[in-house]
């Protein structure tokens, strides 16, 4: 009987430690942020792919902007894919900046 109480206390202690770990390191918030980041990335890719790139496409011969390459001897540089990744990054960084600036706005601490 006493051994069962000790096992129960050990299990309860581990559960409490785990809860403390989740709270101290804000694991739940991190998980939510990670999921939201993935969703935001997909949204930005859609905006770039379906809104911005169709505007840019007429300026690239053939309209295959993602497959656009530059050949330098045996080296083939996929500048279209690079441009796509760069635009995605810039837009995503801008969205994160706006969220940080307006949604997560904290009152500034003034020095006295």
PDB file of N, CA and C in Angstrom:
ATOM      1  N   UNK A   1       0.824  -1.190   0.000  1.00  0.00           N
ATOM      2  CA  UNK A   1       0.000   0.000   0.000  1.00  0.00           C
ATOM      3  C   UNK A   1       0.866   1.252   0.000  1.00  0.00           C
ATOM      4  N   UNK A   2       1.906   1.237   0.833  1.00  0.00           N
ATOM      5  CA  UNK A   2       2.798   2.387   0.912  1.00  0.00           C
ATOM      6  C   UNK A   2       3.549   2.573  -0.403  1.00  0.00           C
ATOM      7  N   UNK A   3       3.899   1.482  -1.074  1.00  0.00           N
ATOM      8  CA  UNK A   3       4.597   1.543  -2.366  1.00  0.00           C
ATOM      9  C   UNK A   3       3.713   2.193  -3.429  1.00  0.00           C
ATOM     10  N   UNK A   4       2.416   1.911  -3.387  1.00  0.00           N
ATOM     11  CA  UNK A   4       1.488   2.529  -4.331  1.00  0.00           C
ATOM     12  C   UNK A   4       1.411   4.036  -4.112  1.00  0.00           C
ATOM     13  N   UNK A   5       1.414   4.463  -2.859  1.00  0.00           N
ATOM     14  CA  UNK A   5       1.388   5.891  -2.548  1.00  0.00           C
ATOM     15  C   UNK A   5       2.642   6.585  -3.051  1.00  0.00           C
ATOM     16  N   UNK A   6       3.802   5.914  -2.896  1.00  0.00           N
ATOM     17  CA  UNK A   6       5.055   6.477  -3.377  1.00  0.00           C
ATOM     18  C   UNK A   6       5.025   6.596  -4.893  1.00  0.00           C
ATOM     19  N   UNK A   7       4.554   5.552  -5.598  1.00  0.00           N
ATOM     20  CA  UNK A   7       4.445   5.600  -7.064  1.00  0.00           C
ATOM     21  C   UNK A   7       3.497   6.707  -7.509  1.00  0.00           C
ATOM     22  N   UNK A   8       2.401   6.867  -6.801  1.00  0.00           N
ATOM     23  CA  UNK A   8       1.443   7.908  -7.133  1.00  0.00           C
ATOM     24  C   UNK A   8       2.049   9.295  -6.927  1.00  0.00           C
ATOM     25  N   UNK A   9       2.819   9.464  -5.851  1.00  0.00           N
ATOM     26  CA  UNK A   9       3.466  10.739  -5.587  1.00  0.00           C
ATOM     27  C   UNK A   9       4.519  11.060  -6.638  1.00  0.00           C
ATOM     28  N   UNK A  10       5.264  10.021  -7.075  1.00  0.00           N
ATOM     29  CA  UNK A  10       6.279  10.214  -8.107  1.00  0.00           C
ATOM     30  C   UNK A  10       5.614  10.633  -9.415  1.00  0.00           C
ATOM     31  N   UNK A  11       4.532   9.964  -9.786  1.00  0.00           N
ATOM     32  CA  UNK A  11       3.805  10.311 -11.011  1.00  0.00           C
ATOM     33  C   UNK A  11       3.254  11.725 -10.927  1.00  0.00           C
ATOM     34  N   UNK A  12       2.681  12.070  -9.787  1.00  0.00           N
ATOM     35  CA  UNK A  12       2.122  13.402  -9.601  1.00  0.00           C
ATOM     36  C   UNK A  12       3.226  14.451  -9.666  1.00  0.00           C
ATOM     37  N   UNK A  13       4.379  14.134  -9.100  1.00  0.00           N
ATOM     38  CA  UNK A  13       5.514  15.049  -9.137  1.00  0.00           C
ATOM     39  C   UNK A  13       5.979  15.278 -10.572  1.00  0.00           C
ATOM     40  N   UNK A  14       6.057  14.214 -11.362  1.00  0.00           N
ATOM     41  CA  UNK A  14       6.451  14.345 -12.767  1.00  0.00           C
ATOM     42  C   UNK A  14       5.443  15.170 -13.551  1.00  0.00           C
ATOM     43  N   UNK A  15       4.180  14.952 -13.286  1.00  0.00           N
ATOM     44  CA  UNK A  15       3.136  15.719 -13.968  1.00  0.00           C
ATOM     45  C   UNK A  15       3.248  17.202 -13.602  1.00  0.00           C
ATOM     46  N   UNK A  16       3.472  17.478 -12.326  1.00  0.00           N
ATOM     47  CA  UNK A  16       3.620  18.874 -11.895  1.00  0.00           C
ATOM     48  C   UNK A  16       4.859  19.512 -12.509  1.00  0.00           C
ATOM     49  N   UNK A  17       5.955  18.760 -12.581  1.00  0.00           N
ATOM     50  CA  UNK A  17       7.167  19.276 -13.209  1.00  0.00           C
ATOM     51  C   UNK A  17       6.928  19.573 -14.692  1.00  0.00           C
ATOM     52  N   UNK A  18       6.188  18.684 -15.344  1.00  0.00           N
ATOM     53  CA  UNK A  18       5.887  18.889 -16.761  1.00  0.00           C
ATOM     54  C   UNK A  18       5.037  20.139 -16.949  1.00  0.00           C
ATOM     55  N   UNK A  19       4.035  20.324 -16.124  1.00  0.00           N
ATOM     56  CA  UNK A  19       3.199  21.521 -16.194  1.00  0.00           C
ATOM     57  C   UNK A  19       4.039  22.782 -15.965  1.00  0.00           C
ATOM     58  N   UNK A  20       4.938  22.717 -14.974  1.00  0.00           N
ATOM     59  CA  UNK A  20       5.816  23.853 -14.712  1.00  0.00           C
ATOM     60  C   UNK A  20       6.706  24.150 -15.914  1.00  0.00           C
ATOM     61  N   UNK A  21       7.209  23.098 -16.535  1.00  0.00           N
ATOM     62  CA  UNK A  21       8.034  23.249 -17.735  1.00  0.00           C
ATOM     63  C   UNK A  21       7.251  23.951 -18.843  1.00  0.00           C
ATOM     64  N   UNK A  22       6.015  23.504 -19.082  1.00  0.00           N
ATOM     65  CA  UNK A  22       5.174  24.115 -20.120  1.00  0.00           C
ATOM     66  C   UNK A  22       4.931  25.591 -19.829  1.00  0.00           C
ATOM     67  N   UNK A  23       4.701  25.916 -18.565  1.00  0.00           N
ATOM     68  CA  UNK A  23       4.443  27.309 -18.199  1.00  0.00           C
ATOM     69  C   UNK A  23       5.703  28.158 -18.271  1.00  0.00           C
ATOM     70  N   UNK A  24       6.801  27.633 -17.718  1.00  0.00           N
ATOM     71  CA  UNK A  24       8.030  28.423 -17.637  1.00  0.00           C
ATOM     72  C   UNK A  24       8.589  28.758 -19.013  1.00  0.00           C
ATOM     73  N   UNK A  25       8.570  27.792 -19.911  1.00  0.00           N
ATOM     74  CA  UNK A  25       9.141  28.013 -21.238  1.00  0.00           C
ATOM     75  C   UNK A  25       8.098  28.398 -22.285  1.00  0.00           C
ATOM     76  N   UNK A  26       6.856  28.587 -21.836  1.00  0.00           N
ATOM     77  CA  UNK A  26       5.761  29.030 -22.708  1.00  0.00           C
ATOM     78  C   UNK A  26       5.657  28.173 -23.967  1.00  0.00           C
ATOM     79  N   UNK A  27       5.665  26.871 -23.764  1.00  0.00           N
ATOM     80  CA  UNK A  27       5.663  25.917 -24.860  1.00  0.00           C
ATOM     81  C   UNK A  27       4.359  25.979 -25.652  1.00  0.00           C
ATOM     82  N   UNK A  28       3.249  26.158 -24.981  1.00  0.00           N
ATOM     83  CA  UNK A  28       1.962  26.214 -25.671  1.00  0.00           C
ATOM     84  C   UNK A  28       1.919  27.423 -26.602  1.00  0.00           C
ATOM     85  N   UNK A  29       2.371  28.575 -26.105  1.00  0.00           N
ATOM     86  CA  UNK A  29       2.415  29.780 -26.946  1.00  0.00           C
ATOM     87  C   UNK A  29       3.343  29.601 -28.132  1.00  0.00           C
ATOM     88  N   UNK A  30       4.457  28.931 -27.904  1.00  0.00           N
ATOM     89  CA  UNK A  30       5.391  28.657 -28.986  1.00  0.00           C
ATOM     90  C   UNK A  30       4.758  27.756 -30.041  1.00  0.00           C
ATOM     91  N   UNK A  31       4.032  26.745 -29.599  1.00  0.00           N
ATOM     92  CA  UNK A  31       3.368  25.840 -30.538  1.00  0.00           C
ATOM     93  C   UNK A  31       2.313  26.585 -31.358  1.00  0.00           C
ATOM     94  N   UNK A  32       1.545  27.427 -30.700  1.00  0.00           N
ATOM     95  CA  UNK A  32       0.532  28.215 -31.412  1.00  0.00           C
ATOM     96  C   UNK A  32       1.209  29.145 -32.412  1.00  0.00           C
ATOM     97  N   UNK A  33       2.289  29.789 -31.989  1.00  0.00           N
ATOM     98  CA  UNK A  33       3.030  30.668 -32.895  1.00  0.00           C
ATOM     99  C   UNK A  33       3.592  29.930 -34.095  1.00  0.00           C
ATOM    100  N   UNK A  34       4.088  28.731 -33.867  1.00  0.00           N
ATOM    101  CA  UNK A  34       4.631  27.918 -34.954  1.00  0.00           C
ATOM    102  C   UNK A  34       3.539  27.572 -35.967  1.00  0.00           C
ATOM    103  N   UNK A  35       2.386  27.171 -35.477  1.00  0.00           N
ATOM    104  CA  UNK A  35       1.265  26.825 -36.358  1.00  0.00           C
ATOM    105  C   UNK A  35       0.791  28.058 -37.120  1.00  0.00           C
ATOM    106  N   UNK A  36       0.667  29.183 -36.432  1.00  0.00           N
ATOM    107  CA  UNK A  36       0.245  30.417 -37.095  1.00  0.00           C
ATOM    108  C   UNK A  36       1.286  30.879 -38.119  1.00  0.00           C
ATOM    109  N   UNK A  37       2.562  30.674 -37.812  1.00  0.00           N
ATOM    110  CA  UNK A  37       3.621  31.022 -38.753  1.00  0.00           C
ATOM    111  C   UNK A  37       3.519  30.221 -40.038  1.00  0.00           C
ATOM    112  N   UNK A  38       3.207  28.938 -39.906  1.00  0.00           N
ATOM    113  CA  UNK A  38       3.013  28.102 -41.096  1.00  0.00           C
ATOM    114  C   UNK A  38       1.827  28.559 -41.925  1.00  0.00           C
ATOM    115  N   UNK A  39       0.745  28.905 -41.247  1.00  0.00           N
ATOM    116  CA  UNK A  39      -0.438  29.398 -41.953  1.00  0.00           C
ATOM    117  C   UNK A  39      -0.150  30.739 -42.627  1.00  0.00           C
ATOM    118  N   UNK A  40       0.581  31.613 -41.939  1.00  0.00           N
ATOM    119  CA  UNK A  40       0.920  32.908 -42.526  1.00  0.00           C
ATOM    120  C   UNK A  40       1.819  32.732 -43.743  1.00  0.00           C
ATOM    121  N   UNK A  41       2.731  31.775 -43.666  1.00  0.00           N
ATOM    122  CA  UNK A  41       3.616  31.509 -44.801  1.00  0.00           C
ATOM    123  C   UNK A  41       2.815  31.069 -46.017  1.00  0.00           C
ATOM    124  N   UNK A  42       1.857  30.194 -45.821  1.00  0.00           N
ATOM    125  CA  UNK A  42       1.014  29.742 -46.929  1.00  0.00           C
ATOM    126  C   UNK A  42       0.209  30.903 -47.506  1.00  0.00           C
ATOM    127  N   UNK A  43      -0.286  31.770 -46.649  1.00  0.00           N
ATOM    128  CA  UNK A  43      -1.042  32.935 -47.115  1.00  0.00           C
ATOM    129  C   UNK A  43      -0.154  33.852 -47.943  1.00  0.00           C
ATOM    130  N   UNK A  44       1.053  34.109 -47.468  1.00  0.00           N
ATOM    131  CA  UNK A  44       1.974  34.977 -48.200  1.00  0.00           C
ATOM    132  C   UNK A  44       2.339  34.355 -49.547  1.00  0.00           C
ATOM    133  N   UNK A  45       2.575  33.048 -49.568  1.00  0.00           N
ATOM    134  CA  UNK A  45       2.876  32.380 -50.842  1.00  0.00           C
ATOM    135  C   UNK A  45       1.718  32.538 -51.824  1.00  0.00           C
ATOM    136  N   UNK A  46       0.498  32.435 -51.324  1.00  0.00           N
ATOM    137  CA  UNK A  46      -0.660  32.603 -52.189  1.00  0.00           C
ATOM    138  C   UNK A  46      -0.752  34.038 -52.706  1.00  0.00           C
ATOM    139  N   UNK A  47      -0.518  35.016 -51.843  1.00  0.00           N
ATOM    140  CA  UNK A  47      -0.560  36.422 -52.269  1.00  0.00           C
ATOM    141  C   UNK A  47       0.498  36.672 -53.336  1.00  0.00           C
ATOM    142  N   UNK A  48       1.698  36.170 -53.108  1.00  0.00           N
ATOM    143  CA  UNK A  48       2.774  36.365 -54.080  1.00  0.00           C
ATOM    144  C   UNK A  48       2.457  35.631 -55.379  1.00  0.00           C
ATOM    145  N   UNK A  49       2.052  34.365 -55.262  1.00  0.00           N
ATOM    146  CA  UNK A  49       1.819  33.550 -56.449  1.00  0.00           C
ATOM    147  C   UNK A  49       0.624  33.972 -57.285  1.00  0.00           C
ATOM    148  N   UNK A  50      -0.439  34.419 -56.627  1.00  0.00           N
ATOM    149  CA  UNK A  50      -1.674  34.712 -57.353  1.00  0.00           C
ATOM    150  C   UNK A  50      -1.978  36.194 -57.523  1.00  0.00           C
ATOM    151  N   UNK A  51      -1.253  37.055 -56.833  1.00  0.00           N
ATOM    152  CA  UNK A  51      -1.539  38.479 -56.937  1.00  0.00           C
ATOM    153  C   UNK A  51      -0.339  39.270 -57.462  1.00  0.00           C
ATOM    154  N   UNK A  52       0.803  39.103 -56.841  1.00  0.00           N
ATOM    155  CA  UNK A  52       1.966  39.908 -57.216  1.00  0.00           C
ATOM    156  C   UNK A  52       2.637  39.392 -58.482  1.00  0.00           C
ATOM    157  N   UNK A  53       2.877  38.100 -58.548  1.00  0.00           N
ATOM    158  CA  UNK A  53       3.589  37.567 -59.703  1.00  0.00           C
ATOM    159  C   UNK A  53       2.827  37.702 -61.019  1.00  0.00           C
ATOM    160  N   UNK A  54       1.503  37.599 -61.037  1.00  0.00           N
ATOM    161  CA  UNK A  54       0.817  37.860 -62.307  1.00  0.00           C
ATOM    162  C   UNK A  54       1.043  39.281 -62.829  1.00  0.00           C
ATOM    163  N   UNK A  55       1.306  40.211 -61.930  1.00  0.00           N
ATOM    164  CA  UNK A  55       1.612  41.584 -62.353  1.00  0.00           C
ATOM    165  C   UNK A  55       3.022  41.642 -62.942  1.00  0.00           C
ATOM    166  N   UNK A  56       3.957  40.886 -62.344  1.00  0.00           N
ATOM    167  CA  UNK A  56       5.345  40.871 -62.804  1.00  0.00           C
ATOM    168  C   UNK A  56       5.518  40.026 -64.063  1.00  0.00           C
ATOM    169  N   UNK A  57       4.702  39.004 -64.236  1.00  0.00           N
ATOM    170  CA  UNK A  57       4.861  38.039 -65.321  1.00  0.00           C
ATOM    171  C   UNK A  57       4.953  38.657 -66.715  1.00  0.00           C
ATOM    172  N   UNK A  58       4.165  39.666 -67.067  1.00  0.00           N
ATOM    173  CA  UNK A  58       4.286  40.225 -68.423  1.00  0.00           C
ATOM    174  C   UNK A  58       5.669  40.804 -68.736  1.00  0.00           C
ATOM    175  N   UNK A  59       6.422  41.148 -67.725  1.00  0.00           N
ATOM    176  CA  UNK A  59       7.748  41.720 -67.951  1.00  0.00           C
ATOM    177  C   UNK A  59       8.824  40.662 -68.169  1.00  0.00           C
ATOM    178  N   UNK A  60       8.461  39.398 -67.942  1.00  0.00           N
ATOM    179  CA  UNK A  60       9.412  38.297 -68.139  1.00  0.00           C
ATOM    180  C   UNK A  60       8.972  37.530 -69.379  1.00  0.00           C
ATOM    181  N   UNK A  61       9.843  37.432 -70.393  1.00  0.00           N
ATOM    182  CA  UNK A  61       9.467  36.751 -71.644  1.00  0.00           C
ATOM    183  C   UNK A  61       8.987  35.324 -71.389  1.00  0.00           C
ATOM    184  N   UNK A  62       7.887  34.978 -72.004  1.00  0.00           N
ATOM    185  CA  UNK A  62       7.338  33.630 -71.882  1.00  0.00           C
ATOM    186  C   UNK A  62       6.450  33.445 -70.674  1.00  0.00           C
ATOM    187  N   UNK A  63       6.491  34.344 -69.735  1.00  0.00           N
ATOM    188  CA  UNK A  63       5.616  34.262 -68.574  1.00  0.00           C
ATOM    189  C   UNK A  63       5.994  33.192 -67.561  1.00  0.00           C
ATOM    190  N   UNK A  64       7.073  32.491 -67.753  1.00  0.00           N
ATOM    191  CA  UNK A  64       7.488  31.446 -66.818  1.00  0.00           C
ATOM    192  C   UNK A  64       8.508  32.014 -65.833  1.00  0.00           C
ATOM    193  N   UNK A  65       8.086  32.958 -65.023  1.00  0.00           N
ATOM    194  CA  UNK A  65       9.006  33.676 -64.154  1.00  0.00           C
ATOM    195  C   UNK A  65       9.710  32.787 -63.136  1.00  0.00           C
ATOM    196  N   UNK A  66       9.049  31.757 -62.632  1.00  0.00           N
ATOM    197  CA  UNK A  66       9.681  30.894 -61.634  1.00  0.00           C
ATOM    198  C   UNK A  66      10.782  30.044 -62.267  1.00  0.00           C
ATOM    199  N   UNK A  67      10.618  29.723 -63.532  1.00  0.00           N
ATOM    200  CA  UNK A  67      11.601  28.884 -64.212  1.00  0.00           C
ATOM    201  C   UNK A  67      12.677  29.708 -64.923  1.00  0.00           C
ATOM    202  N   UNK A  68      12.628  31.013 -64.783  1.00  0.00           N
ATOM    203  CA  UNK A  68      13.597  31.878 -65.451  1.00  0.00           C
ATOM    204  C   UNK A  68      15.006  31.585 -64.935  1.00  0.00           C
ATOM    205  N   UNK A  69      15.930  31.390 -65.857  1.00  0.00           N
ATOM    206  CA  UNK A  69      17.305  31.059 -65.486  1.00  0.00           C
ATOM    207  C   UNK A  69      18.285  31.941 -66.247  1.00  0.00           C
ATOM    208  N   UNK A  70      19.490  31.948 -65.744  1.00  0.00           N
ATOM    209  CA  UNK A  70      20.598  32.638 -66.387  1.00  0.00           C
ATOM    210  C   UNK A  70      21.723  31.611 -66.495  1.00  0.00           C
ATOM    211  N   UNK A  71      22.213  31.374 -67.703  1.00  0.00           N
ATOM    212  CA  UNK A  71      23.248  30.378 -67.922  1.00  0.00           C
ATOM    213  C   UNK A  71      24.593  31.059 -68.116  1.00  0.00           C
ATOM    214  N   UNK A  72      25.560  30.612 -67.365  1.00  0.00           N
ATOM    215  CA  UNK A  72      26.918  31.131 -67.454  1.00  0.00           C
ATOM    216  C   UNK A  72      27.841  29.923 -67.613  1.00  0.00           C
ATOM    217  N   UNK A  73      28.060  29.543 -68.881  1.00  0.00           N
ATOM    218  CA  UNK A  73      28.837  28.329 -69.152  1.00  0.00           C
ATOM    219  C   UNK A  73      28.064  27.118 -68.641  1.00  0.00           C
ATOM    220  N   UNK A  74      28.708  26.281 -67.824  1.00  0.00           N
ATOM    221  CA  UNK A  74      28.017  25.093 -67.301  1.00  0.00           C
ATOM    222  C   UNK A  74      27.135  25.399 -66.084  1.00  0.00           C
ATOM    223  N   UNK A  75      27.162  26.627 -65.626  1.00  0.00           N
ATOM    224  CA  UNK A  75      26.404  27.009 -64.425  1.00  0.00           C
ATOM    225  C   UNK A  75      25.056  27.594 -64.838  1.00  0.00           C
ATOM    226  N   UNK A  76      23.984  27.051 -64.239  1.00  0.00           N
ATOM    227  CA  UNK A  76      22.630  27.558 -64.489  1.00  0.00           C
ATOM    228  C   UNK A  76      22.104  28.138 -63.180  1.00  0.00           C
ATOM    229  N   UNK A  77      21.807  29.426 -63.209  1.00  0.00           N
ATOM    230  CA  UNK A  77      21.305  30.121 -62.020  1.00  0.00           C
ATOM    231  C   UNK A  77      19.806  30.347 -62.190  1.00  0.00           C
ATOM    232  N   UNK A  78      19.027  29.792 -61.273  1.00  0.00           N
ATOM    233  CA  UNK A  78      17.569  29.941 -61.317  1.00  0.00           C
ATOM    234  C   UNK A  78      17.136  31.215 -60.642  1.00  0.00           C
ATOM    235  N   UNK A  79      17.261  32.328 -61.330  1.00  0.00           N
ATOM    236  CA  UNK A  79      16.952  33.612 -60.721  1.00  0.00           C
ATOM    237  C   UNK A  79      15.455  33.819 -60.523  1.00  0.00           C
ATOM    238  N   UNK A  80      14.629  33.146 -61.285  1.00  0.00           N
ATOM    239  CA  UNK A  80      13.177  33.272 -61.103  1.00  0.00           C
ATOM    240  C   UNK A  80      12.738  32.688 -59.768  1.00  0.00           C
ATOM    241  N   UNK A  81      13.256  31.510 -59.444  1.00  0.00           N
ATOM    242  CA  UNK A  81      12.932  30.890 -58.156  1.00  0.00           C
ATOM    243  C   UNK A  81      13.506  31.715 -57.009  1.00  0.00           C
ATOM    244  N   UNK A  82      14.689  32.270 -57.222  1.00  0.00           N
ATOM    245  CA  UNK A  82      15.297  33.124 -56.209  1.00  0.00           C
ATOM    246  C   UNK A  82      14.464  34.389 -55.997  1.00  0.00           C
ATOM    247  N   UNK A  83      14.014  34.993 -57.078  1.00  0.00           N
ATOM    248  CA  UNK A  83      13.158  36.176 -56.977  1.00  0.00           C
ATOM    249  C   UNK A  83      11.869  35.852 -56.225  1.00  0.00           C
ATOM    250  N   UNK A  84      11.279  34.709 -56.523  1.00  0.00           N
ATOM    251  CA  UNK A  84      10.059  34.275 -55.851  1.00  0.00           C
ATOM    252  C   UNK A  84      10.299  34.119 -54.348  1.00  0.00           C
ATOM    253  N   UNK A  85      11.384  33.448 -53.968  1.00  0.00           N
ATOM    254  CA  UNK A  85      11.696  33.257 -52.553  1.00  0.00           C
ATOM    255  C   UNK A  85      11.967  34.594 -51.872  1.00  0.00           C
ATOM    256  N   UNK A  86      12.651  35.496 -52.564  1.00  0.00           N
ATOM    257  CA  UNK A  86      12.965  36.806 -52.000  1.00  0.00           C
ATOM    258  C   UNK A  86      11.691  37.610 -51.755  1.00  0.00           C
ATOM    259  N   UNK A  87      10.793  37.622 -52.714  1.00  0.00           N
ATOM    260  CA  UNK A  87       9.533  38.362 -52.556  1.00  0.00           C
ATOM    261  C   UNK A  87       8.704  37.755 -51.426  1.00  0.00           C
ATOM    262  N   UNK A  88       8.651  36.422 -51.349  1.00  0.00           N
ATOM    263  CA  UNK A  88       7.940  35.768 -50.249  1.00  0.00           C
ATOM    264  C   UNK A  88       8.516  36.199 -48.905  1.00  0.00           C
ATOM    265  N   UNK A  89       9.840  36.208 -48.813  1.00  0.00           N
ATOM    266  CA  UNK A  89      10.496  36.582 -47.564  1.00  0.00           C
ATOM    267  C   UNK A  89      10.185  38.028 -47.185  1.00  0.00           C
ATOM    268  N   UNK A  90      10.294  38.932 -48.134  1.00  0.00           N
ATOM    269  CA  UNK A  90      10.059  40.350 -47.849  1.00  0.00           C
ATOM    270  C   UNK A  90       8.620  40.567 -47.372  1.00  0.00           C
ATOM    271  N   UNK A  91       7.677  39.953 -48.035  1.00  0.00           N
ATOM    272  CA  UNK A  91       6.272  40.130 -47.634  1.00  0.00           C
ATOM    273  C   UNK A  91       6.025  39.518 -46.261  1.00  0.00           C
ATOM    274  N   UNK A  92       6.561  38.334 -46.015  1.00  0.00           N
ATOM    275  CA  UNK A  92       6.386  37.691 -44.716  1.00  0.00           C
ATOM    276  C   UNK A  92       7.038  38.521 -43.614  1.00  0.00           C
ATOM    277  N   UNK A  93       8.224  39.045 -43.873  1.00  0.00           N
ATOM    278  CA  UNK A  93       8.895  39.891 -42.885  1.00  0.00           C
ATOM    279  C   UNK A  93       8.067  41.148 -42.617  1.00  0.00           C
ATOM    280  N   UNK A  94       7.470  41.717 -43.656  1.00  0.00           N
ATOM    281  CA  UNK A  94       6.635  42.908 -43.488  1.00  0.00           C
ATOM    282  C   UNK A  94       5.404  42.593 -42.643  1.00  0.00           C
ATOM    283  N   UNK A  95       4.768  41.449 -42.894  1.00  0.00           N
ATOM    284  CA  UNK A  95       3.588  41.052 -42.113  1.00  0.00           C
ATOM    285  C   UNK A  95       3.973  40.860 -40.650  1.00  0.00           C
ATOM    286  N   UNK A  96       5.081  40.189 -40.401  1.00  0.00           N
ATOM    287  CA  UNK A  96       5.539  39.986 -39.022  1.00  0.00           C
ATOM    288  C   UNK A  96       5.827  41.333 -38.360  1.00  0.00           C
ATOM    289  N   UNK A  97       6.452  42.243 -39.094  1.00  0.00           N
ATOM    290  CA  UNK A  97       6.726  43.581 -38.567  1.00  0.00           C
ATOM    291  C   UNK A  97       5.430  44.295 -38.186  1.00  0.00           C
ATOM    292  N   UNK A  98       4.436  44.244 -39.076  1.00  0.00           N
ATOM    293  CA  UNK A  98       3.156  44.903 -38.785  1.00  0.00           C
ATOM    294  C   UNK A  98       2.465  44.289 -37.581  1.00  0.00           C
ATOM    295  N   UNK A  99       2.520  42.966 -37.479  1.00  0.00           N
ATOM    296  CA  UNK A  99       1.916  42.303 -36.322  1.00  0.00           C
ATOM    297  C   UNK A  99       2.625  42.751 -35.048  1.00  0.00           C
ATOM    298  N   UNK A 100       3.938  42.754 -35.093  1.00  0.00           N
ATOM    299  CA  UNK A 100       4.704  43.159 -33.903  1.00  0.00           C
ATOM    300  C   UNK A 100       4.434  44.614 -33.550  1.00  0.00           C
ATOM    301  N   UNK A 101       4.305  45.454 -34.553  1.00  0.00           N
ATOM    302  CA  UNK A 101       4.138  46.887 -34.301  1.00  0.00           C
ATOM    303  C   UNK A 101       2.744  47.236 -33.791  1.00  0.00           C
ATOM    304  N   UNK A 102       1.727  46.670 -34.405  1.00  0.00           N
ATOM    305  CA  UNK A 102       0.363  47.097 -34.079  1.00  0.00           C
ATOM    306  C   UNK A 102      -0.400  46.135 -33.179  1.00  0.00           C
ATOM    307  N   UNK A 103      -0.223  44.866 -33.357  1.00  0.00           N
ATOM    308  CA  UNK A 103      -0.999  43.903 -32.570  1.00  0.00           C
ATOM    309  C   UNK A 103      -0.334  43.629 -31.229  1.00  0.00           C
ATOM    310  N   UNK A 104       0.979  43.478 -31.243  1.00  0.00           N
ATOM    311  CA  UNK A 104       1.686  43.154 -30.014  1.00  0.00           C
ATOM    312  C   UNK A 104       2.274  44.386 -29.348  1.00  0.00           C
ATOM    313  N   UNK A 105       1.710  45.516 -29.645  1.00  0.00           N
ATOM    314  CA  UNK A 105       2.222  46.780 -29.129  1.00  0.00           C
ATOM    315  C   UNK A 105       2.201  46.777 -27.598  1.00  0.00           C
ATOM    316  N   UNK A 106       3.331  47.051 -27.026  1.00  0.00           N
ATOM    317  CA  UNK A 106       3.436  47.186 -25.580  1.00  0.00           C
ATOM    318  C   UNK A 106       3.764  48.639 -25.278  1.00  0.00           C
ATOM    319  N   UNK A 107       3.344  49.080 -24.148  1.00  0.00           N
ATOM    320  CA  UNK A 107       3.626  50.458 -23.777  1.00  0.00           C
ATOM    321  C   UNK A 107       5.118  50.610 -23.564  1.00  0.00           C
ATOM    322  N   UNK A 108       5.666  51.662 -24.115  1.00  0.00           N
ATOM    323  CA  UNK A 108       7.087  51.917 -23.946  1.00  0.00           C
ATOM    324  C   UNK A 108       7.358  52.402 -22.533  1.00  0.00           C
ATOM    325  N   UNK A 109       8.456  51.920 -22.014  1.00  0.00           N
ATOM    326  CA  UNK A 109       8.860  52.337 -20.682  1.00  0.00           C
ATOM    327  C   UNK A 109       9.710  53.583 -20.837  1.00  0.00           C
ATOM    328  N   UNK A 110       9.350  54.614 -20.123  1.00  0.00           N
ATOM    329  CA  UNK A 110      10.126  55.850 -20.204  1.00  0.00           C
ATOM    330  C   UNK A 110      11.086  55.920 -19.032  1.00  0.00           C
ATOM    331  N   UNK A 111      12.269  56.406 -19.308  1.00  0.00           N
ATOM    332  CA  UNK A 111      13.268  56.559 -18.255  1.00  0.00           C
ATOM    333  C   UNK A 111      12.998  57.846 -17.512  1.00  0.00           C
ATOM    334  N   UNK A 112      13.160  57.804 -16.222  1.00  0.00           N
ATOM    335  CA  UNK A 112      12.937  58.990 -15.403  1.00  0.00           C
ATOM    336  C   UNK A 112      14.208  59.436 -14.757  1.00  0.00           C
TER     337      UNK A 112
END
